[in-house]
Amino acid sequence: IIDNKRDVLKMNQADFLTGSGIVRAIPGPVFSIAAFSGGMTMRSEGAF
């Protein structure tokens, strides 16, 4: 990916581990981690 200089959806390890820790500590489905990763990977596109 780095050699091809592809602009793919990404987030750093520390942020992902923080999200995966908190999603286990809140009520509701653990699959809601996808809302967090979706927001984090789209941060470069602005608030909207």
All heavy atoms as atom14 arrays in JSON, in Angstrom:
{
  "sequence": "IIDNKRDVLKMNQADFLTGSGIVRAIPGPVFSIAAFSGGMTMRSEGAF",
  "atom14_mask": [
    [1, 1, 1, 1, 1, 1, 1, 1, 0, 0, 0, 0, 0, 0],
    [1, 1, 1, 1, 1, 1, 1, 1, 0, 0, 0, 0, 0, 0],
    [1, 1, 1, 1, 1, 1, 1, 1, 0, 0, 0, 0, 0, 0],
    [1, 1, 1, 1, 1, 1, 1, 1, 0, 0, 0, 0, 0, 0],
    [1, 1, 1, 1, 1, 1, 1, 1, 1, 0, 0, 0, 0, 0],
    [1, 1, 1, 1, 1, 1, 1, 1, 1, 1, 1, 0, 0, 0],
    [1, 1, 1, 1, 1, 1, 1, 1, 0, 0, 0, 0, 0, 0],
    [1, 1, 1, 1, 1, 1, 1, 0, 0, 0, 0, 0, 0, 0],
    [1, 1, 1, 1, 1, 1, 1, 1, 0, 0, 0, 0, 0, 0],
    [1, 1, 1, 1, 1, 1, 1, 1, 1, 0, 0, 0, 0, 0],
    [1, 1, 1, 1, 1, 1, 1, 1, 0, 0, 0, 0, 0, 0],
    [1, 1, 1, 1, 1, 1, 1, 1, 0, 0, 0, 0, 0, 0],
    [1, 1, 1, 1, 1, 1, 1, 1, 1, 0, 0, 0, 0, 0],
    [1, 1, 1, 1, 1, 0, 0, 0, 0, 0, 0, 0, 0, 0],
    [1, 1, 1, 1, 1, 1, 1, 1, 0, 0, 0, 0, 0, 0],
    [1, 1, 1, 1, 1, 1, 1, 1, 1, 1, 1, 0, 0, 0],
    [1, 1, 1, 1, 1, 1, 1, 1, 0, 0, 0, 0, 0, 0],
    [1, 1, 1, 1, 1, 1, 1, 0, 0, 0, 0, 0, 0, 0],
    [1, 1, 1, 1, 0, 0, 0, 0, 0, 0, 0, 0, 0, 0],
    [1, 1, 1, 1, 1, 1, 0, 0, 0, 0, 0, 0, 0, 0],
    [1, 1, 1, 1, 0, 0, 0, 0, 0, 0, 0, 0, 0, 0],
    [1, 1, 1, 1, 1, 1, 1, 1, 0, 0, 0, 0, 0, 0],
    [1, 1, 1, 1, 1, 1, 1, 0, 0, 0, 0, 0, 0, 0],
    [1, 1, 1, 1, 1, 1, 1, 1, 1, 1, 1, 0, 0, 0],
    [1, 1, 1, 1, 1, 0, 0, 0, 0, 0, 0, 0, 0, 0],
    [1, 1, 1, 1, 1, 1, 1, 1, 0, 0, 0, 0, 0, 0],
    [1, 1, 1, 1, 1, 1, 1, 0, 0, 0, 0, 0, 0, 0],
    [1, 1, 1, 1, 0, 0, 0, 0, 0, 0, 0, 0, 0, 0],
    [1, 1, 1, 1, 1, 1, 1, 0, 0, 0, 0, 0, 0, 0],
    [1, 1, 1, 1, 1, 1, 1, 0, 0, 0, 0, 0, 0, 0],
    [1, 1, 1, 1, 1, 1, 1, 1, 1, 1, 1, 0, 0, 0],
    [1, 1, 1, 1, 1, 1, 0, 0, 0, 0, 0, 0, 0, 0],
    [1, 1, 1, 1, 1, 1, 1, 1, 0, 0, 0, 0, 0, 0],
    [1, 1, 1, 1, 1, 0, 0, 0, 0, 0, 0, 0, 0, 0],
    [1, 1, 1, 1, 1, 0, 0, 0, 0, 0, 0, 0, 0, 0],
    [1, 1, 1, 1, 1, 1, 1, 1, 1, 1, 1, 0, 0, 0],
    [1, 1, 1, 1, 1, 1, 0, 0, 0, 0, 0, 0, 0, 0],
    [1, 1, 1, 1, 0, 0, 0, 0, 0, 0, 0, 0, 0, 0],
    [1, 1, 1, 1, 0, 0, 0, 0, 0, 0, 0, 0, 0, 0],
    [1, 1, 1, 1, 1, 1, 1, 1, 0, 0, 0, 0, 0, 0],
    [1, 1, 1, 1, 1, 1, 1, 0, 0, 0, 0, 0, 0, 0],
    [1, 1, 1, 1, 1, 1, 1, 1, 0, 0, 0, 0, 0, 0],
    [1, 1, 1, 1, 1, 1, 1, 1, 1, 1, 1, 0, 0, 0],
    [1, 1, 1, 1, 1, 1, 0, 0, 0, 0, 0, 0, 0, 0],
    [1, 1, 1, 1, 1, 1, 1, 1, 1, 0, 0, 0, 0, 0],
    [1, 1, 1, 1, 0, 0, 0, 0, 0, 0, 0, 0, 0, 0],
    [1, 1, 1, 1, 1, 0, 0, 0, 0, 0, 0, 0, 0, 0],
    [1, 1, 1, 1, 1, 1, 1, 1, 1, 1, 1, 0, 0, 0]
  ],
  "atom14_positions": [
    [[0.84, -1.2, 0.0], [0.0, 0.0, 0.0], [0.87, 1.26, 0.0], [0.6, 2.23, -0.72], [-0.95, 0.0, 1.22], [-1.92, -1.19, 1.15], [-1.71, 1.32, 1.31], [-2.89, -1.15, -0.01], [0.0, 0.0, 0.0], [0.0, 0.0, 0.0], [0.0, 0.0, 0.0], [0.0, 0.0, 0.0], [0.0, 0.0, 0.0], [0.0, 0.0, 0.0]],
    [[1.93, 1.24, 0.82], [2.81, 2.41, 0.9], [3.55, 2.64, -0.41], [3.64, 3.78, -0.89], [3.81, 2.24, 2.08], [3.06, 2.25, 3.41], [4.87, 3.34, 2.04], [3.92, 1.9, 4.6], [0.0, 0.0, 0.0], [0.0, 0.0, 0.0], [0.0, 0.0, 0.0], [0.0, 0.0, 0.0], [0.0, 0.0, 0.0], [0.0, 0.0, 0.0]],
    [[4.07, 1.56, -1.01], [4.81, 1.69, -2.28], [3.92, 2.2, -3.41], [4.37, 2.97, -4.27], [5.42, 0.35, -2.67], [6.59, -0.06, -1.77], [7.06, 0.82, -1.01], [7.0, -1.23, -1.8], [0.0, 0.0, 0.0], [0.0, 0.0, 0.0], [0.0, 0.0, 0.0], [0.0, 0.0, 0.0], [0.0, 0.0, 0.0], [0.0, 0.0, 0.0]],
    [[2.65, 1.77, -3.4], [1.72, 2.22, -4.46], [1.12, 3.59, -4.16], [0.37, 4.13, -4.98], [0.59, 1.2, -4.62], [1.08, -0.1, -5.22], [2.11, -0.13, -5.9], [0.36, -1.19, -4.95], [0.0, 0.0, 0.0], [0.0, 0.0, 0.0], [0.0, 0.0, 0.0], [0.0, 0.0, 0.0], [0.0, 0.0, 0.0], [0.0, 0.0, 0.0]],
    [[1.43, 4.14, -2.96], [0.94, 5.46, -2.55], [-0.59, 5.55, -2.64], [-1.15, 6.55, -3.09], [1.58, 6.56, -3.38], [3.09, 6.64, -3.22], [3.69, 7.75, -4.05], [5.21, 7.81, -3.85], [5.83, 8.89, -4.67], [0.0, 0.0, 0.0], [0.0, 0.0, 0.0], [0.0, 0.0, 0.0], [0.0, 0.0, 0.0], [0.0, 0.0, 0.0]],
    [[-1.25, 4.48, -2.19], [-2.7, 4.44, -2.23], [-3.28, 5.14, -1.0], [-2.83, 4.91, 0.12], [-3.2, 3.0, -2.3], [-2.87, 2.3, -3.62], [-3.45, 0.9, -3.64], [-4.9, 0.92, -3.49], [-5.65, -0.18, -3.37], [-5.07, -1.37, -3.37], [-6.95, -0.09, -3.24], [0.0, 0.0, 0.0], [0.0, 0.0, 0.0], [0.0, 0.0, 0.0]],
    [[-4.28, 5.97, -1.24], [-4.94, 6.69, -0.16], [-6.12, 5.86, 0.32], [-7.25, 6.01, -0.16], [-5.4, 8.06, -0.64], [-6.04, 8.89, 0.47], [-5.76, 8.59, 1.65], [-6.8, 9.82, 0.16], [0.0, 0.0, 0.0], [0.0, 0.0, 0.0], [0.0, 0.0, 0.0], [0.0, 0.0, 0.0], [0.0, 0.0, 0.0], [0.0, 0.0, 0.0]],
    [[-5.86, 4.96, 1.26], [-6.9, 4.03, 1.73], [-7.44, 4.49, 3.09], [-6.85, 5.34, 3.76], [-6.34, 2.59, 1.85], [-5.9, 2.09, 0.49], [-5.19, 2.54, 2.85], [0.0, 0.0, 0.0], [0.0, 0.0, 0.0], [0.0, 0.0, 0.0], [0.0, 0.0, 0.0], [0.0, 0.0, 0.0], [0.0, 0.0, 0.0], [0.0, 0.0, 0.0]],
    [[-8.55, 3.91, 3.48], [-9.12, 4.18, 4.8], [-8.18, 3.65, 5.87], [-7.77, 2.48, 5.83], [-10.49, 3.51, 4.94], [-11.6, 4.06, 4.03], [-12.78, 3.09, 4.02], [-12.04, 5.44, 4.49], [0.0, 0.0, 0.0], [0.0, 0.0, 0.0], [0.0, 0.0, 0.0], [0.0, 0.0, 0.0], [0.0, 0.0, 0.0], [0.0, 0.0, 0.0]],
    [[-7.84, 4.49, 6.85], [-6.88, 4.04, 7.86], [-7.08, 4.81, 9.16], [-7.67, 5.89, 9.2], [-5.45, 4.23, 7.35], [-5.11, 5.68, 7.01], [-3.74, 5.78, 6.36], [-3.45, 7.22, 5.92], [-2.17, 7.34, 5.22], [0.0, 0.0, 0.0], [0.0, 0.0, 0.0], [0.0, 0.0, 0.0], [0.0, 0.0, 0.0], [0.0, 0.0, 0.0]],
    [[-6.55, 4.22, 10.23], [-6.5, 4.87, 11.54], [-5.3, 4.3, 12.28], [-4.8, 3.22, 11.94], [-7.8, 4.65, 12.31], [-8.17, 3.2, 12.55], [-9.83, 2.98, 13.28], [-9.62, 3.74, 14.87], [0.0, 0.0, 0.0], [0.0, 0.0, 0.0], [0.0, 0.0, 0.0], [0.0, 0.0, 0.0], [0.0, 0.0, 0.0], [0.0, 0.0, 0.0]],
    [[-4.83, 5.02, 13.31], [-3.63, 4.52, 13.98], [-3.98, 3.5, 15.05], [-5.12, 3.4, 15.51], [-2.78, 5.68, 14.55], [-3.48, 6.42, 15.68], [-3.9, 5.82, 16.66], [-3.59, 7.74, 15.54], [0.0, 0.0, 0.0], [0.0, 0.0, 0.0], [0.0, 0.0, 0.0], [0.0, 0.0, 0.0], [0.0, 0.0, 0.0], [0.0, 0.0, 0.0]],
    [[-2.97, 2.74, 15.45], [-3.17, 1.62, 16.37], [-3.71, 2.07, 17.73], [-4.63, 1.46, 18.28], [-1.85, 0.89, 16.56], [-1.96, -0.34, 17.47], [-0.62, -0.94, 17.79], [0.29, -0.24, 18.25], [-0.47, -2.23, 17.53], [0.0, 0.0, 0.0], [0.0, 0.0, 0.0], [0.0, 0.0, 0.0], [0.0, 0.0, 0.0], [0.0, 0.0, 0.0]],
    [[-3.14, 3.16, 18.28], [-3.54, 3.62, 19.62], [-5.02, 3.98, 19.65], [-5.74, 3.64, 20.6], [-2.68, 4.81, 20.04], [0.0, 0.0, 0.0], [0.0, 0.0, 0.0], [0.0, 0.0, 0.0], [0.0, 0.0, 0.0], [0.0, 0.0, 0.0], [0.0, 0.0, 0.0], [0.0, 0.0, 0.0], [0.0, 0.0, 0.0], [0.0, 0.0, 0.0]],
    [[-5.5, 4.67, 18.6], [-6.91, 5.06, 18.55], [-7.81, 3.83, 18.47], [-8.86, 3.77, 19.12], [-7.17, 5.98, 17.37], [-6.55, 7.36, 17.55], [-6.22, 7.7, 18.7], [-6.38, 8.08, 16.55], [0.0, 0.0, 0.0], [0.0, 0.0, 0.0], [0.0, 0.0, 0.0], [0.0, 0.0, 0.0], [0.0, 0.0, 0.0], [0.0, 0.0, 0.0]],
    [[-7.41, 2.85, 17.64], [-8.24, 1.66, 17.5], [-8.32, 0.9, 18.82], [-9.4, 0.43, 19.22], [-7.69, 0.74, 16.41], [-8.6, -0.42, 16.09], [-9.57, -0.31, 15.1], [-8.52, -1.62, 16.8], [-10.44, -1.36, 14.83], [-9.38, -2.67, 16.54], [-10.34, -2.54, 15.55], [0.0, 0.0, 0.0], [0.0, 0.0, 0.0], [0.0, 0.0, 0.0]],
    [[-7.18, 0.75, 19.51], [-7.17, 0.02, 20.77], [-7.99, 0.74, 21.84], [-8.64, 0.1, 22.67], [-5.73, -0.19, 21.25], [-4.88, -1.1, 20.35], [-3.46, -1.21, 20.9], [-5.51, -2.49, 20.23], [0.0, 0.0, 0.0], [0.0, 0.0, 0.0], [0.0, 0.0, 0.0], [0.0, 0.0, 0.0], [0.0, 0.0, 0.0], [0.0, 0.0, 0.0]],
    [[-7.97, 2.07, 21.82], [-8.81, 2.83, 22.74], [-10.29, 2.56, 22.47], [-11.07, 2.29, 23.38], [-8.53, 4.34, 22.62], [-7.16, 4.6, 22.92], [-9.41, 5.13, 23.58], [0.0, 0.0, 0.0], [0.0, 0.0, 0.0], [0.0, 0.0, 0.0], [0.0, 0.0, 0.0], [0.0, 0.0, 0.0], [0.0, 0.0, 0.0], [0.0, 0.0, 0.0]],
    [[-10.68, 2.62, 21.2], [-12.07, 2.35, 20.83], [-12.49, 0.94, 21.18], [-13.61, 0.72, 21.69], [0.0, 0.0, 0.0], [0.0, 0.0, 0.0], [0.0, 0.0, 0.0], [0.0, 0.0, 0.0], [0.0, 0.0, 0.0], [0.0, 0.0, 0.0], [0.0, 0.0, 0.0], [0.0, 0.0, 0.0], [0.0, 0.0, 0.0], [0.0, 0.0, 0.0]],
    [[-11.6, -0.05, 20.94], [-11.96, -1.44, 21.23], [-12.06, -1.69, 22.73], [-12.81, -2.57, 23.17], [-10.92, -2.39, 20.62], [-9.65, -2.2, 21.19], [0.0, 0.0, 0.0], [0.0, 0.0, 0.0], [0.0, 0.0, 0.0], [0.0, 0.0, 0.0], [0.0, 0.0, 0.0], [0.0, 0.0, 0.0], [0.0, 0.0, 0.0], [0.0, 0.0, 0.0]],
    [[-11.34, -0.9, 23.53], [-11.47, -1.02, 24.98], [-12.77, -0.42, 25.48], [-13.46, -1.0, 26.32], [0.0, 0.0, 0.0], [0.0, 0.0, 0.0], [0.0, 0.0, 0.0], [0.0, 0.0, 0.0], [0.0, 0.0, 0.0], [0.0, 0.0, 0.0], [0.0, 0.0, 0.0], [0.0, 0.0, 0.0], [0.0, 0.0, 0.0], [0.0, 0.0, 0.0]],
    [[-13.13, 0.75, 24.94], [-14.33, 1.43, 25.4], [-15.6, 0.73, 24.94], [-16.59, 0.67, 25.67], [-14.31, 2.91, 24.95], [-13.21, 3.65, 25.73], [-15.66, 3.59, 25.16], [-13.03, 5.09, 25.34], [0.0, 0.0, 0.0], [0.0, 0.0, 0.0], [0.0, 0.0, 0.0], [0.0, 0.0, 0.0], [0.0, 0.0, 0.0], [0.0, 0.0, 0.0]],
    [[-15.6, 0.16, 23.73], [-16.82, -0.49, 23.23], [-17.21, -1.69, 24.11], [-18.39, -2.03, 24.22], [-16.66, -0.92, 21.76], [-15.81, -2.2, 21.62], [-18.02, -1.12, 21.09], [0.0, 0.0, 0.0], [0.0, 0.0, 0.0], [0.0, 0.0, 0.0], [0.0, 0.0, 0.0], [0.0, 0.0, 0.0], [0.0, 0.0, 0.0], [0.0, 0.0, 0.0]],
    [[-16.23, -2.3, 24.76], [-16.52, -3.41, 25.66], [-17.08, -2.92, 27.0], [-17.6, -3.71, 27.78], [-15.25, -4.23, 25.92], [-14.77, -5.04, 24.73], [-13.6, -5.92, 25.15], [-13.16, -6.82, 24.1], [-12.13, -6.59, 23.29], [-11.46, -5.45, 23.43], [-11.77, -7.45, 22.36], [0.0, 0.0, 0.0], [0.0, 0.0, 0.0], [0.0, 0.0, 0.0]],
    [[-16.9, -1.62, 27.24], [-17.32, -1.07, 28.54], [-18.65, -0.34, 28.48], [-19.14, 0.12, 29.5], [-16.24, -0.11, 29.05], [0.0, 0.0, 0.0], [0.0, 0.0, 0.0], [0.0, 0.0, 0.0], [0.0, 0.0, 0.0], [0.0, 0.0, 0.0], [0.0, 0.0, 0.0], [0.0, 0.0, 0.0], [0.0, 0.0, 0.0], [0.0, 0.0, 0.0]],
    [[-19.25, -0.23, 27.29], [-20.53, 0.46, 27.17], [-21.64, -0.55, 26.89], [-21.38, -1.67, 26.45], [-20.5, 1.54, 26.06], [-20.34, 0.88, 24.68], [-19.4, 2.56, 26.31], [-20.54, 1.84, 23.52], [0.0, 0.0, 0.0], [0.0, 0.0, 0.0], [0.0, 0.0, 0.0], [0.0, 0.0, 0.0], [0.0, 0.0, 0.0], [0.0, 0.0, 0.0]],
    [[-22.89, -0.19, 27.17], [-23.99, -1.1, 26.85], [-24.25, -1.16, 25.36], [-23.84, -0.27, 24.61], [-25.18, -0.47, 27.59], [-24.85, 0.99, 27.64], [-23.36, 1.07, 27.79], [0.0, 0.0, 0.0], [0.0, 0.0, 0.0], [0.0, 0.0, 0.0], [0.0, 0.0, 0.0], [0.0, 0.0, 0.0], [0.0, 0.0, 0.0], [0.0, 0.0, 0.0]],
    [[-24.93, -2.22, 24.93], [-25.29, -2.34, 23.53], [-24.37, -3.27, 22.77], [-23.46, -3.88, 23.33], [0.0, 0.0, 0.0], [0.0, 0.0, 0.0], [0.0, 0.0, 0.0], [0.0, 0.0, 0.0], [0.0, 0.0, 0.0], [0.0, 0.0, 0.0], [0.0, 0.0, 0.0], [0.0, 0.0, 0.0], [0.0, 0.0, 0.0], [0.0, 0.0, 0.0]],
    [[-24.59, -3.39, 21.45], [-23.83, -4.34, 20.64], [-22.37, -3.93, 20.47], [-22.07, -2.76, 20.23], [-24.57, -4.32, 19.29], [-25.24, -2.99, 19.24], [-25.6, -2.66, 20.66], [0.0, 0.0, 0.0], [0.0, 0.0, 0.0], [0.0, 0.0, 0.0], [0.0, 0.0, 0.0], [0.0, 0.0, 0.0], [0.0, 0.0, 0.0], [0.0, 0.0, 0.0]],
    [[-21.46, -4.91, 20.57], [-20.03, -4.66, 20.36], [-19.77, -4.28, 18.9], [-18.78, -3.6, 18.6], [-19.21, -5.91, 20.77], [-17.72, -5.68, 20.55], [-19.48, -6.25, 22.23], [0.0, 0.0, 0.0], [0.0, 0.0, 0.0], [0.0, 0.0, 0.0], [0.0, 0.0, 0.0], [0.0, 0.0, 0.0], [0.0, 0.0, 0.0], [0.0, 0.0, 0.0]],
    [[-20.66, -4.67, 17.99], [-20.51, -4.3, 16.58], [-20.55, -2.78, 16.38], [-20.2, -2.3, 15.3], [-21.62, -4.95, 15.74], [-21.28, -6.33, 15.24], [-20.77, -7.29, 16.1], [-21.5, -6.68, 13.91], [-20.47, -8.56, 15.64], [-21.2, -7.95, 13.44], [-20.68, -8.9, 14.31], [0.0, 0.0, 0.0], [0.0, 0.0, 0.0], [0.0, 0.0, 0.0]],
    [[-20.95, -2.04, 17.4], [-20.95, -0.57, 17.28], [-19.55, -0.01, 17.14], [-19.38, 1.18, 16.85], [-21.65, 0.07, 18.48], [-21.0, -0.27, 19.69], [0.0, 0.0, 0.0], [0.0, 0.0, 0.0], [0.0, 0.0, 0.0], [0.0, 0.0, 0.0], [0.0, 0.0, 0.0], [0.0, 0.0, 0.0], [0.0, 0.0, 0.0], [0.0, 0.0, 0.0]],
    [[-18.51, -0.84, 17.32], [-17.13, -0.43, 17.04], [-17.02, 0.06, 15.6], [-16.17, 0.89, 15.27], [-16.15, -1.6, 17.3], [-14.69, -1.17, 17.11], [-16.45, -2.77, 16.39], [-14.16, -0.24, 18.14], [0.0, 0.0, 0.0], [0.0, 0.0, 0.0], [0.0, 0.0, 0.0], [0.0, 0.0, 0.0], [0.0, 0.0, 0.0], [0.0, 0.0, 0.0]],
    [[-17.91, -0.43, 14.72], [-17.88, -0.03, 13.31], [-18.24, 1.44, 13.13], [-17.78, 2.09, 12.19], [-18.81, -0.91, 12.48], [0.0, 0.0, 0.0], [0.0, 0.0, 0.0], [0.0, 0.0, 0.0], [0.0, 0.0, 0.0], [0.0, 0.0, 0.0], [0.0, 0.0, 0.0], [0.0, 0.0, 0.0], [0.0, 0.0, 0.0], [0.0, 0.0, 0.0]],
    [[-19.11, 1.98, 14.0], [-19.43, 3.41, 13.94], [-18.2, 4.24, 14.31], [-17.92, 5.28, 13.7], [-20.59, 3.72, 14.88], [0.0, 0.0, 0.0], [0.0, 0.0, 0.0], [0.0, 0.0, 0.0], [0.0, 0.0, 0.0], [0.0, 0.0, 0.0], [0.0, 0.0, 0.0], [0.0, 0.0, 0.0], [0.0, 0.0, 0.0], [0.0, 0.0, 0.0]],
    [[-17.44, 3.77, 15.31], [-16.22, 4.45, 15.72], [-15.17, 4.4, 14.62], [-14.59, 5.43, 14.23], [-15.68, 3.8, 17.0], [-14.32, 4.28, 17.41], [-14.15, 5.52, 18.0], [-13.2, 3.48, 17.23], [-12.9, 5.97, 18.39], [-11.94, 3.91, 17.62], [-11.79, 5.15, 18.2], [0.0, 0.0, 0.0], [0.0, 0.0, 0.0], [0.0, 0.0, 0.0]],
    [[-14.91, 3.2, 14.08], [-13.89, 3.08, 13.04], [-14.31, 3.83, 11.78], [-13.47, 4.4, 11.07], [-13.61, 1.6, 12.72], [-14.78, 0.95, 12.25], [0.0, 0.0, 0.0], [0.0, 0.0, 0.0], [0.0, 0.0, 0.0], [0.0, 0.0, 0.0], [0.0, 0.0, 0.0], [0.0, 0.0, 0.0], [0.0, 0.0, 0.0], [0.0, 0.0, 0.0]],
    [[-15.62, 3.87, 11.49], [-16.1, 4.64, 10.35], [-15.81, 6.12, 10.5], [-15.35, 6.78, 9.57], [0.0, 0.0, 0.0], [0.0, 0.0, 0.0], [0.0, 0.0, 0.0], [0.0, 0.0, 0.0], [0.0, 0.0, 0.0], [0.0, 0.0, 0.0], [0.0, 0.0, 0.0], [0.0, 0.0, 0.0], [0.0, 0.0, 0.0], [0.0, 0.0, 0.0]],
    [[-16.08, 6.65, 11.7], [-15.8, 8.06, 11.96], [-14.32, 8.37, 11.92], [-13.88, 9.38, 11.35], [0.0, 0.0, 0.0], [0.0, 0.0, 0.0], [0.0, 0.0, 0.0], [0.0, 0.0, 0.0], [0.0, 0.0, 0.0], [0.0, 0.0, 0.0], [0.0, 0.0, 0.0], [0.0, 0.0, 0.0], [0.0, 0.0, 0.0], [0.0, 0.0, 0.0]],
    [[-13.49, 7.5, 12.52], [-12.05, 7.73, 12.57], [-11.41, 7.68, 11.19], [-10.53, 8.49, 10.87], [-11.39, 6.7, 13.49], [-11.78, 6.82, 14.96], [-11.36, 8.4, 15.71], [-9.57, 8.31, 15.71], [0.0, 0.0, 0.0], [0.0, 0.0, 0.0], [0.0, 0.0, 0.0], [0.0, 0.0, 0.0], [0.0, 0.0, 0.0], [0.0, 0.0, 0.0]],
    [[-11.84, 6.74, 10.36], [-11.24, 6.61, 9.03], [-11.69, 7.71, 8.06], [-11.07, 7.91, 7.03], [-11.56, 5.24, 8.41], [-12.98, 5.05, 8.39], [-10.92, 4.12, 9.21], [0.0, 0.0, 0.0], [0.0, 0.0, 0.0], [0.0, 0.0, 0.0], [0.0, 0.0, 0.0], [0.0, 0.0, 0.0], [0.0, 0.0, 0.0], [0.0, 0.0, 0.0]],
    [[-12.77, 8.42, 8.42], [-13.28, 9.48, 7.54], [-12.99, 10.88, 8.1], [-13.53, 11.87, 7.61], [-14.79, 9.3, 7.34], [-15.17, 8.06, 6.54], [-14.9, 8.22, 4.77], [-16.29, 9.26, 4.32], [0.0, 0.0, 0.0], [0.0, 0.0, 0.0], [0.0, 0.0, 0.0], [0.0, 0.0, 0.0], [0.0, 0.0, 0.0], [0.0, 0.0, 0.0]],
    [[-12.12, 10.97, 9.11], [-11.83, 12.28, 9.7], [-11.19, 13.25, 8.72], [-11.37, 14.46, 8.81], [-10.92, 12.12, 10.92], [-11.64, 11.66, 12.15], [-10.85, 11.91, 13.41], [-9.56, 11.22, 13.38], [-8.67, 11.28, 14.38], [-8.94, 12.0, 15.46], [-7.53, 10.63, 14.31], [0.0, 0.0, 0.0], [0.0, 0.0, 0.0], [0.0, 0.0, 0.0]],
    [[-10.46, 12.7, 7.77], [-9.79, 13.56, 6.78], [-10.77, 14.25, 5.84], [-10.39, 15.18, 5.12], [-8.81, 12.73, 5.95], [-9.49, 11.69, 5.26], [0.0, 0.0, 0.0], [0.0, 0.0, 0.0], [0.0, 0.0, 0.0], [0.0, 0.0, 0.0], [0.0, 0.0, 0.0], [0.0, 0.0, 0.0], [0.0, 0.0, 0.0], [0.0, 0.0, 0.0]],
    [[-12.04, 13.81, 5.85], [-13.06, 14.37, 4.96], [-13.84, 15.51, 5.61], [-14.86, 15.95, 5.07], [-14.04, 13.27, 4.52], [-13.38, 12.04, 3.91], [-12.53, 12.4, 2.7], [-13.08, 13.0, 1.75], [-11.31, 12.08, 2.71], [0.0, 0.0, 0.0], [0.0, 0.0, 0.0], [0.0, 0.0, 0.0], [0.0, 0.0, 0.0], [0.0, 0.0, 0.0]],
    [[-13.4, 15.98, 6.77], [-14.1, 17.06, 7.46], [-15.2, 16.54, 8.37], [-15.5, 15.34, 8.41], [0.0, 0.0, 0.0], [0.0, 0.0, 0.0], [0.0, 0.0, 0.0], [0.0, 0.0, 0.0], [0.0, 0.0, 0.0], [0.0, 0.0, 0.0], [0.0, 0.0, 0.0], [0.0, 0.0, 0.0], [0.0, 0.0, 0.0], [0.0, 0.0, 0.0]],
    [[-15.84, 17.46, 9.11], [-16.84, 17.07, 10.1], [-18.03, 16.35, 9.47], [-18.52, 15.34, 10.0], [-17.32, 18.3, 10.87], [0.0, 0.0, 0.0], [0.0, 0.0, 0.0], [0.0, 0.0, 0.0], [0.0, 0.0, 0.0], [0.0, 0.0, 0.0], [0.0, 0.0, 0.0], [0.0, 0.0, 0.0], [0.0, 0.0, 0.0], [0.0, 0.0, 0.0]],
    [[-18.5, 16.87, 8.31], [-19.64, 16.22, 7.64], [-19.24, 14.84, 7.15], [-20.0, 13.87, 7.31], [-20.13, 17.07, 6.48], [-21.28, 16.45, 5.72], [-22.56, 16.46, 6.25], [-21.06, 15.82, 4.5], [-23.62, 15.86, 5.56], [-22.11, 15.23, 3.81], [-23.39, 15.25, 4.34], [0.0, 0.0, 0.0], [0.0, 0.0, 0.0], [0.0, 0.0, 0.0]]
  ]
}
